[in-house]
């Protein structure tokens, strides 16, 4: 009787229609919850700017961009520059800069990448065994990674405070002239450089700054998650795991 009553309540609340009537079903996220942000003209313009940065390729990860825009917008409440490690074509960062009207914000946004794809020697033995290195090799061969840094610079030319930094993390981080950070986005698909970047920048993050981790909770990225969790514990922080596959830290 109790089970039937609970089932009836769930059906009346809409839970039983989950598998038939999802509002949003892409990028590993399936939900019937409200996704009205997608119809917001400001969001659409920001997202479409990201698509333009990627030469018209739409990866269909609106909810990830929604999270990135929220974090970046709230990061403006604290002092510091913005940094993204793992830029590729610049989808997320272009969406943020367009959505936040970056020329009015007038803060440096450092855009760090090899612009040749992931550094294959940085993958751990476990990541190699799990196929992460091969996936990166195949993606490079398929042209999934931008290798023309001039094209990236051209994409960001409309924002004079955008600073494209070419090099491998962590080696290149010492060249970044940012004393304080309000926002850090990590998307390098590999545990070693992501942990190194978090540890390098932690002391520069202002109180209330956001760290957004693109691959944190994605299936197959367990090595990255463990590396970030361990680093966060050592730094006195913790990570919230998001259903988008991202992770987020707010600096205490």
C-alpha atoms as a PDB file:
ATOM      1  CA  UNK A   1       0.000   0.000   0.000  1.00  0.00           C
ATOM      2  CA  UNK A   2       2.767   2.439   0.947  1.00  0.00           C
ATOM      3  CA  UNK A   3       4.733   1.614  -2.204  1.00  0.00           C
ATOM      4  CA  UNK A   4       1.641   2.175  -4.364  1.00  0.00           C
ATOM      5  CA  UNK A   5       0.993   5.507  -2.630  1.00  0.00           C
ATOM      6  CA  UNK A   6       4.578   6.642  -3.194  1.00  0.00           C
ATOM      7  CA  UNK A   7       4.400   5.568  -6.837  1.00  0.00           C
ATOM      8  CA  UNK A   8       1.148   7.480  -7.305  1.00  0.00           C
ATOM      9  CA  UNK A   9       2.700  10.585  -5.743  1.00  0.00           C
ATOM     10  CA  UNK A  10       5.779  10.339  -7.965  1.00  0.00           C
ATOM     11  CA  UNK A  11       3.581  10.031 -11.050  1.00  0.00           C
ATOM     12  CA  UNK A  12       1.528  13.044 -10.009  1.00  0.00           C
ATOM     13  CA  UNK A  13       4.755  14.999  -9.470  1.00  0.00           C
ATOM     14  CA  UNK A  14       5.949  14.153 -12.966  1.00  0.00           C
ATOM     15  CA  UNK A  15       8.810  11.792 -12.118  1.00  0.00           C
ATOM     16  CA  UNK A  16       7.307   8.855 -13.988  1.00  0.00           C
ATOM     17  CA  UNK A  17       7.516  10.711 -17.304  1.00  0.00           C
ATOM     18  CA  UNK A  18      11.268  11.227 -16.996  1.00  0.00           C
ATOM     19  CA  UNK A  19      12.210   8.697 -19.672  1.00  0.00           C
ATOM     20  CA  UNK A  20       9.543   9.863 -22.107  1.00  0.00           C
ATOM     21  CA  UNK A  21       9.582  13.632 -21.815  1.00  0.00           C
ATOM     22  CA  UNK A  22      13.038  15.008 -21.055  1.00  0.00           C
ATOM     23  CA  UNK A  23      13.577  18.719 -21.486  1.00  0.00           C
ATOM     24  CA  UNK A  24      17.288  18.328 -22.092  1.00  0.00           C
ATOM     25  CA  UNK A  25      19.085  15.223 -23.335  1.00  0.00           C
ATOM     26  CA  UNK A  26      22.621  15.782 -24.617  1.00  0.00           C
ATOM     27  CA  UNK A  27      26.240  15.898 -23.529  1.00  0.00           C
ATOM     28  CA  UNK A  28      25.665  13.053 -21.055  1.00  0.00           C
ATOM     29  CA  UNK A  29      22.911  14.923 -19.202  1.00  0.00           C
ATOM     30  CA  UNK A  30      19.264  13.856 -19.335  1.00  0.00           C
ATOM     31  CA  UNK A  31      16.788  15.827 -17.276  1.00  0.00           C
ATOM     32  CA  UNK A  32      13.184  16.952 -17.253  1.00  0.00           C
ATOM     33  CA  UNK A  33      14.113  19.994 -15.180  1.00  0.00           C
ATOM     34  CA  UNK A  34      13.653  23.530 -16.443  1.00  0.00           C
ATOM     35  CA  UNK A  35      16.094  24.494 -19.196  1.00  0.00           C
ATOM     36  CA  UNK A  36      14.528  27.851 -20.087  1.00  0.00           C
ATOM     37  CA  UNK A  37      17.961  29.495 -19.985  1.00  0.00           C
ATOM     38  CA  UNK A  38      18.448  28.139 -23.504  1.00  0.00           C
ATOM     39  CA  UNK A  39      15.805  30.541 -24.840  1.00  0.00           C
ATOM     40  CA  UNK A  40      17.400  33.586 -23.200  1.00  0.00           C
ATOM     41  CA  UNK A  41      18.679  35.871 -26.013  1.00  0.00           C
ATOM     42  CA  UNK A  42      21.770  36.808 -23.986  1.00  0.00           C
ATOM     43  CA  UNK A  43      22.641  33.145 -23.491  1.00  0.00           C
ATOM     44  CA  UNK A  44      21.937  32.316 -27.136  1.00  0.00           C
ATOM     45  CA  UNK A  45      24.217  35.105 -28.347  1.00  0.00           C
ATOM     46  CA  UNK A  46      27.000  33.965 -26.007  1.00  0.00           C
ATOM     47  CA  UNK A  47      26.618  30.324 -27.032  1.00  0.00           C
ATOM     48  CA  UNK A  48      26.533  31.169 -30.724  1.00  0.00           C
ATOM     49  CA  UNK A  49      29.750  33.150 -30.301  1.00  0.00           C
ATOM     50  CA  UNK A  50      31.315  29.966 -28.995  1.00  0.00           C
ATOM     51  CA  UNK A  51      30.047  28.075 -32.032  1.00  0.00           C
ATOM     52  CA  UNK A  52      31.588  30.737 -34.272  1.00  0.00           C
ATOM     53  CA  UNK A  53      34.929  30.352 -32.490  1.00  0.00           C
ATOM     54  CA  UNK A  54      34.776  26.642 -33.356  1.00  0.00           C
ATOM     55  CA  UNK A  55      34.201  27.289 -37.049  1.00  0.00           C
ATOM     56  CA  UNK A  56      30.505  26.552 -36.796  1.00  0.00           C
ATOM     57  CA  UNK A  57      30.838  23.250 -34.936  1.00  0.00           C
ATOM     58  CA  UNK A  58      28.201  22.932 -32.204  1.00  0.00           C
ATOM     59  CA  UNK A  59      29.159  20.337 -29.553  1.00  0.00           C
ATOM     60  CA  UNK A  60      25.689  20.693 -27.999  1.00  0.00           C
ATOM     61  CA  UNK A  61      26.842  21.377 -24.460  1.00  0.00           C
ATOM     62  CA  UNK A  62      24.597  24.300 -23.600  1.00  0.00           C
ATOM     63  CA  UNK A  63      24.279  23.372 -19.939  1.00  0.00           C
ATOM     64  CA  UNK A  64      28.062  23.357 -19.527  1.00  0.00           C
ATOM     65  CA  UNK A  65      28.230  26.831 -21.048  1.00  0.00           C
ATOM     66  CA  UNK A  66      25.364  27.921 -18.771  1.00  0.00           C
ATOM     67  CA  UNK A  67      27.423  26.837 -15.752  1.00  0.00           C
ATOM     68  CA  UNK A  68      30.548  28.544 -17.100  1.00  0.00           C
ATOM     69  CA  UNK A  69      28.697  31.810 -17.673  1.00  0.00           C
ATOM     70  CA  UNK A  70      27.212  31.706 -14.173  1.00  0.00           C
ATOM     71  CA  UNK A  71      30.589  31.066 -12.556  1.00  0.00           C
ATOM     72  CA  UNK A  72      32.344  33.730 -14.620  1.00  0.00           C
ATOM     73  CA  UNK A  73      29.643  36.311 -13.963  1.00  0.00           C
ATOM     74  CA  UNK A  74      29.816  35.711 -10.221  1.00  0.00           C
ATOM     75  CA  UNK A  75      33.615  35.731 -10.320  1.00  0.00           C
ATOM     76  CA  UNK A  76      33.407  39.390 -11.370  1.00  0.00           C
ATOM     77  CA  UNK A  77      32.330  40.148  -7.804  1.00  0.00           C
ATOM     78  CA  UNK A  78      35.843  39.418  -6.600  1.00  0.00           C
ATOM     79  CA  UNK A  79      39.227  40.837  -7.515  1.00  0.00           C
ATOM     80  CA  UNK A  80      41.459  39.297 -10.139  1.00  0.00           C
ATOM     81  CA  UNK A  81      42.083  38.229 -13.699  1.00  0.00           C
ATOM     82  CA  UNK A  82      40.648  35.282 -15.599  1.00  0.00           C
ATOM     83  CA  UNK A  83      42.646  32.262 -16.797  1.00  0.00           C
ATOM     84  CA  UNK A  84      41.698  29.307 -18.974  1.00  0.00           C
ATOM     85  CA  UNK A  85      44.095  26.379 -19.366  1.00  0.00           C
ATOM     86  CA  UNK A  86      43.026  24.218 -22.281  1.00  0.00           C
ATOM     87  CA  UNK A  87      41.531  26.657 -24.771  1.00  0.00           C
ATOM     88  CA  UNK A  88      41.568  24.770 -28.075  1.00  0.00           C
ATOM     89  CA  UNK A  89      39.381  26.853 -30.438  1.00  0.00           C
ATOM     90  CA  UNK A  90      38.072  28.971 -27.564  1.00  0.00           C
ATOM     91  CA  UNK A  91      34.435  27.889 -27.312  1.00  0.00           C
ATOM     92  CA  UNK A  92      33.931  28.401 -23.573  1.00  0.00           C
ATOM     93  CA  UNK A  93      36.109  31.497 -23.238  1.00  0.00           C
ATOM     94  CA  UNK A  94      34.542  33.144 -26.306  1.00  0.00           C
ATOM     95  CA  UNK A  95      31.077  32.483 -24.871  1.00  0.00           C
ATOM     96  CA  UNK A  96      32.115  34.027 -21.563  1.00  0.00           C
ATOM     97  CA  UNK A  97      33.730  37.092 -23.087  1.00  0.00           C
ATOM     98  CA  UNK A  98      30.774  37.739 -25.362  1.00  0.00           C
ATOM     99  CA  UNK A  99      28.170  37.022 -22.684  1.00  0.00           C
ATOM    100  CA  UNK A 100      29.869  39.296 -20.137  1.00  0.00           C
ATOM    101  CA  UNK A 101      30.615  42.096 -22.646  1.00  0.00           C
ATOM    102  CA  UNK A 102      34.324  41.738 -21.979  1.00  0.00           C
ATOM    103  CA  UNK A 103      35.418  45.095 -23.376  1.00  0.00           C
ATOM    104  CA  UNK A 104      33.346  46.694 -20.637  1.00  0.00           C
ATOM    105  CA  UNK A 105      34.749  44.331 -18.008  1.00  0.00           C
ATOM    106  CA  UNK A 106      38.288  45.287 -19.021  1.00  0.00           C
ATOM    107  CA  UNK A 107      40.127  42.537 -17.151  1.00  0.00           C
ATOM    108  CA  UNK A 108      42.922  40.395 -18.603  1.00  0.00           C
ATOM    109  CA  UNK A 109      41.784  36.951 -19.711  1.00  0.00           C
ATOM    110  CA  UNK A 110      44.768  34.628 -20.157  1.00  0.00           C
ATOM    111  CA  UNK A 111      44.150  31.848 -22.674  1.00  0.00           C
ATOM    112  CA  UNK A 112      46.712  29.080 -22.208  1.00  0.00           C
ATOM    113  CA  UNK A 113      47.177  26.147 -24.564  1.00  0.00           C
ATOM    114  CA  UNK A 114      49.843  24.295 -26.518  1.00  0.00           C
ATOM    115  CA  UNK A 115      47.702  24.821 -29.627  1.00  0.00           C
ATOM    116  CA  UNK A 116      49.098  21.493 -30.815  1.00  0.00           C
ATOM    117  CA  UNK A 117      46.860  19.252 -28.714  1.00  0.00           C
ATOM    118  CA  UNK A 118      47.527  17.508 -25.390  1.00  0.00           C
ATOM    119  CA  UNK A 119      51.107  16.752 -24.337  1.00  0.00           C
ATOM    120  CA  UNK A 120      51.084  12.983 -24.801  1.00  0.00           C
ATOM    121  CA  UNK A 121      54.048  12.382 -22.463  1.00  0.00           C
ATOM    122  CA  UNK A 122      52.024  13.806 -19.553  1.00  0.00           C
ATOM    123  CA  UNK A 123      49.564  10.920 -19.461  1.00  0.00           C
ATOM    124  CA  UNK A 124      50.137   8.575 -16.541  1.00  0.00           C
ATOM    125  CA  UNK A 125      50.513   4.816 -16.931  1.00  0.00           C
ATOM    126  CA  UNK A 126      46.932   4.398 -15.708  1.00  0.00           C
ATOM    127  CA  UNK A 127      45.616   6.934 -18.199  1.00  0.00           C
ATOM    128  CA  UNK A 128      47.494   5.157 -20.976  1.00  0.00           C
ATOM    129  CA  UNK A 129      46.039   1.821 -19.859  1.00  0.00           C
ATOM    130  CA  UNK A 130      42.553   3.314 -19.787  1.00  0.00           C
ATOM    131  CA  UNK A 131      42.982   4.582 -23.351  1.00  0.00           C
ATOM    132  CA  UNK A 132      43.103   8.301 -22.576  1.00  0.00           C
ATOM    133  CA  UNK A 133      46.384   8.842 -24.422  1.00  0.00           C
ATOM    134  CA  UNK A 134      45.147   6.960 -27.497  1.00  0.00           C
ATOM    135  CA  UNK A 135      41.961   9.007 -27.514  1.00  0.00           C
ATOM    136  CA  UNK A 136      44.069  12.172 -27.507  1.00  0.00           C
ATOM    137  CA  UNK A 137      46.287  10.826 -30.303  1.00  0.00           C
ATOM    138  CA  UNK A 138      43.243   9.922 -32.395  1.00  0.00           C
ATOM    139  CA  UNK A 139      41.669  13.328 -31.734  1.00  0.00           C
ATOM    140  CA  UNK A 140      44.833  15.125 -32.860  1.00  0.00           C
ATOM    141  CA  UNK A 141      44.953  13.003 -36.018  1.00  0.00           C
ATOM    142  CA  UNK A 142      41.283  13.735 -36.708  1.00  0.00           C
ATOM    143  CA  UNK A 143      41.839  17.487 -36.449  1.00  0.00           C
ATOM    144  CA  UNK A 144      39.825  17.917 -33.260  1.00  0.00           C
ATOM    145  CA  UNK A 145      42.511  20.163 -31.792  1.00  0.00           C
ATOM    146  CA  UNK A 146      43.354  23.579 -33.184  1.00  0.00           C
ATOM    147  CA  UNK A 147      46.938  23.803 -34.414  1.00  0.00           C
ATOM    148  CA  UNK A 148      46.862  27.298 -35.940  1.00  0.00           C
ATOM    149  CA  UNK A 149      47.487  29.728 -33.106  1.00  0.00           C
ATOM    150  CA  UNK A 150      47.088  32.691 -35.469  1.00  0.00           C
ATOM    151  CA  UNK A 151      43.480  31.652 -36.072  1.00  0.00           C
ATOM    152  CA  UNK A 152      42.917  31.611 -32.308  1.00  0.00           C
ATOM    153  CA  UNK A 153      44.460  35.055 -31.948  1.00  0.00           C
ATOM    154  CA  UNK A 154      42.169  36.297 -34.724  1.00  0.00           C
ATOM    155  CA  UNK A 155      39.135  34.884 -32.929  1.00  0.00           C
ATOM    156  CA  UNK A 156      39.975  36.835 -29.760  1.00  0.00           C
ATOM    157  CA  UNK A 157      41.083  40.027 -31.525  1.00  0.00           C
ATOM    158  CA  UNK A 158      37.808  41.805 -30.710  1.00  0.00           C
ATOM    159  CA  UNK A 159      38.783  41.757 -27.022  1.00  0.00           C
ATOM    160  CA  UNK A 160      42.070  43.659 -26.506  1.00  0.00           C
ATOM    161  CA  UNK A 161      42.494  42.304 -22.975  1.00  0.00           C
ATOM    162  CA  UNK A 162      42.477  38.685 -24.196  1.00  0.00           C
ATOM    163  CA  UNK A 163      46.005  37.310 -23.932  1.00  0.00           C
ATOM    164  CA  UNK A 164      46.768  34.136 -25.882  1.00  0.00           C
ATOM    165  CA  UNK A 165      49.608  32.229 -24.197  1.00  0.00           C
ATOM    166  CA  UNK A 166      51.110  29.331 -26.156  1.00  0.00           C
ATOM    167  CA  UNK A 167      52.908  26.637 -24.213  1.00  0.00           C
ATOM    168  CA  UNK A 168      52.536  23.522 -22.110  1.00  0.00           C
ATOM    169  CA  UNK A 169      51.243  23.551 -18.536  1.00  0.00           C
ATOM    170  CA  UNK A 170      52.938  23.755 -16.094  1.00  0.00           C
ATOM    171  CA  UNK A 171      56.067  25.025 -17.896  1.00  0.00           C
ATOM    172  CA  UNK A 172      54.416  28.140 -19.306  1.00  0.00           C
ATOM    173  CA  UNK A 173      52.542  29.217 -16.169  1.00  0.00           C
ATOM    174  CA  UNK A 174      55.434  31.271 -14.816  1.00  0.00           C
ATOM    175  CA  UNK A 175      55.127  33.630 -17.788  1.00  0.00           C
ATOM    176  CA  UNK A 176      51.591  34.677 -16.813  1.00  0.00           C
ATOM    177  CA  UNK A 177      51.658  38.087 -15.187  1.00  0.00           C
ATOM    178  CA  UNK A 178      48.567  37.758 -13.030  1.00  0.00           C
ATOM    179  CA  UNK A 179      48.979  38.555  -9.338  1.00  0.00           C
ATOM    180  CA  UNK A 180      45.342  37.770  -8.441  1.00  0.00           C
ATOM    181  CA  UNK A 181      42.772  35.535 -10.092  1.00  0.00           C
ATOM    182  CA  UNK A 182      38.982  35.604  -9.906  1.00  0.00           C
ATOM    183  CA  UNK A 183      38.290  32.722 -12.305  1.00  0.00           C
ATOM    184  CA  UNK A 184      40.224  29.649 -13.430  1.00  0.00           C
ATOM    185  CA  UNK A 185      38.922  27.188 -16.021  1.00  0.00           C
ATOM    186  CA  UNK A 186      40.761  23.878 -16.488  1.00  0.00           C
ATOM    187  CA  UNK A 187      40.097  21.722 -19.550  1.00  0.00           C
ATOM    188  CA  UNK A 188      43.250  19.812 -20.482  1.00  0.00           C
ATOM    189  CA  UNK A 189      41.886  16.254 -20.474  1.00  0.00           C
ATOM    190  CA  UNK A 190      44.860  15.011 -18.483  1.00  0.00           C
ATOM    191  CA  UNK A 191      45.461  14.707 -14.735  1.00  0.00           C
ATOM    192  CA  UNK A 192      49.048  15.971 -14.452  1.00  0.00           C
ATOM    193  CA  UNK A 193      48.692  19.465 -15.975  1.00  0.00           C
ATOM    194  CA  UNK A 194      45.293  20.066 -14.365  1.00  0.00           C
ATOM    195  CA  UNK A 195      46.602  19.317 -10.885  1.00  0.00           C
ATOM    196  CA  UNK A 196      49.725  21.381 -11.575  1.00  0.00           C
ATOM    197  CA  UNK A 197      47.672  24.379 -12.697  1.00  0.00           C
ATOM    198  CA  UNK A 198      45.372  24.213  -9.669  1.00  0.00           C
ATOM    199  CA  UNK A 199      48.321  24.033  -7.290  1.00  0.00           C
ATOM    200  CA  UNK A 200      50.240  26.778  -9.100  1.00  0.00           C
ATOM    201  CA  UNK A 201      47.383  29.279  -9.125  1.00  0.00           C
ATOM    202  CA  UNK A 202      45.799  28.476  -5.750  1.00  0.00           C
ATOM    203  CA  UNK A 203      47.685  31.117  -3.782  1.00  0.00           C
ATOM    204  CA  UNK A 204      46.776  33.737  -6.386  1.00  0.00           C
ATOM    205  CA  UNK A 205      43.041  33.005  -6.297  1.00  0.00           C
ATOM    206  CA  UNK A 206      41.111  35.691  -4.443  1.00  0.00           C
ATOM    207  CA  UNK A 207      38.675  34.746  -1.718  1.00  0.00           C
ATOM    208  CA  UNK A 208      35.422  33.901  -3.483  1.00  0.00           C
ATOM    209  CA  UNK A 209      37.149  33.078  -6.783  1.00  0.00           C
ATOM    210  CA  UNK A 210      35.833  30.168  -8.861  1.00  0.00           C
ATOM    211  CA  UNK A 211      37.687  27.194 -10.307  1.00  0.00           C
ATOM    212  CA  UNK A 212      35.685  25.386 -13.004  1.00  0.00           C
ATOM    213  CA  UNK A 213      36.809  21.887 -14.028  1.00  0.00           C
ATOM    214  CA  UNK A 214      35.437  20.827 -17.388  1.00  0.00           C
ATOM    215  CA  UNK A 215      36.056  17.048 -17.250  1.00  0.00           C
ATOM    216  CA  UNK A 216      35.930  16.422 -13.504  1.00  0.00           C
ATOM    217  CA  UNK A 217      32.962  14.043 -13.317  1.00  0.00           C
ATOM    218  CA  UNK A 218      32.914  12.716 -16.865  1.00  0.00           C
ATOM    219  CA  UNK A 219      32.982   8.955 -17.342  1.00  0.00           C
ATOM    220  CA  UNK A 220      36.499   7.830 -18.172  1.00  0.00           C
ATOM    221  CA  UNK A 221      38.180  10.820 -16.513  1.00  0.00           C
ATOM    222  CA  UNK A 222      38.614   9.143 -13.127  1.00  0.00           C
ATOM    223  CA  UNK A 223      42.346   9.900 -12.983  1.00  0.00           C
ATOM    224  CA  UNK A 224      41.673  13.612 -13.350  1.00  0.00           C
ATOM    225  CA  UNK A 225      39.019  13.516 -10.653  1.00  0.00           C
ATOM    226  CA  UNK A 226      41.272  11.710  -8.175  1.00  0.00           C
ATOM    227  CA  UNK A 227      44.169  14.074  -8.877  1.00  0.00           C
ATOM    228  CA  UNK A 228      41.999  17.151  -8.370  1.00  0.00           C
ATOM    229  CA  UNK A 229      40.335  15.719  -5.251  1.00  0.00           C
ATOM    230  CA  UNK A 230      43.719  14.986  -3.715  1.00  0.00           C
ATOM    231  CA  UNK A 231      45.083  18.423  -4.573  1.00  0.00           C
ATOM    232  CA  UNK A 232      41.947  20.124  -3.249  1.00  0.00           C
ATOM    233  CA  UNK A 233      42.181  18.279   0.073  1.00  0.00           C
ATOM    234  CA  UNK A 234      45.801  19.327   0.455  1.00  0.00           C
ATOM    235  CA  UNK A 235      44.810  22.925  -0.296  1.00  0.00           C
ATOM    236  CA  UNK A 236      41.980  22.917   2.234  1.00  0.00           C
ATOM    237  CA  UNK A 237      39.205  22.975  -0.359  1.00  0.00           C
ATOM    238  CA  UNK A 238      36.653  20.585  -1.799  1.00  0.00           C
ATOM    239  CA  UNK A 239      34.989  20.104  -5.152  1.00  0.00           C
ATOM    240  CA  UNK A 240      31.294  20.017  -5.954  1.00  0.00           C
ATOM    241  CA  UNK A 241      30.489  17.434  -8.631  1.00  0.00           C
ATOM    242  CA  UNK A 242      27.964  18.686 -11.181  1.00  0.00           C
ATOM    243  CA  UNK A 243      25.619  16.585 -13.343  1.00  0.00           C
ATOM    244  CA  UNK A 244      27.030  18.341 -16.401  1.00  0.00           C
ATOM    245  CA  UNK A 245      30.268  16.411 -15.798  1.00  0.00           C
ATOM    246  CA  UNK A 246      31.992  19.552 -14.553  1.00  0.00           C
ATOM    247  CA  UNK A 247      33.371  20.201 -11.092  1.00  0.00           C
ATOM    248  CA  UNK A 248      33.589  23.500  -9.236  1.00  0.00           C
ATOM    249  CA  UNK A 249      35.580  24.953  -6.373  1.00  0.00           C
ATOM    250  CA  UNK A 250      35.021  28.285  -4.682  1.00  0.00           C
ATOM    251  CA  UNK A 251      38.148  29.594  -2.943  1.00  0.00           C
ATOM    252  CA  UNK A 252      37.369  30.034   0.771  1.00  0.00           C
END
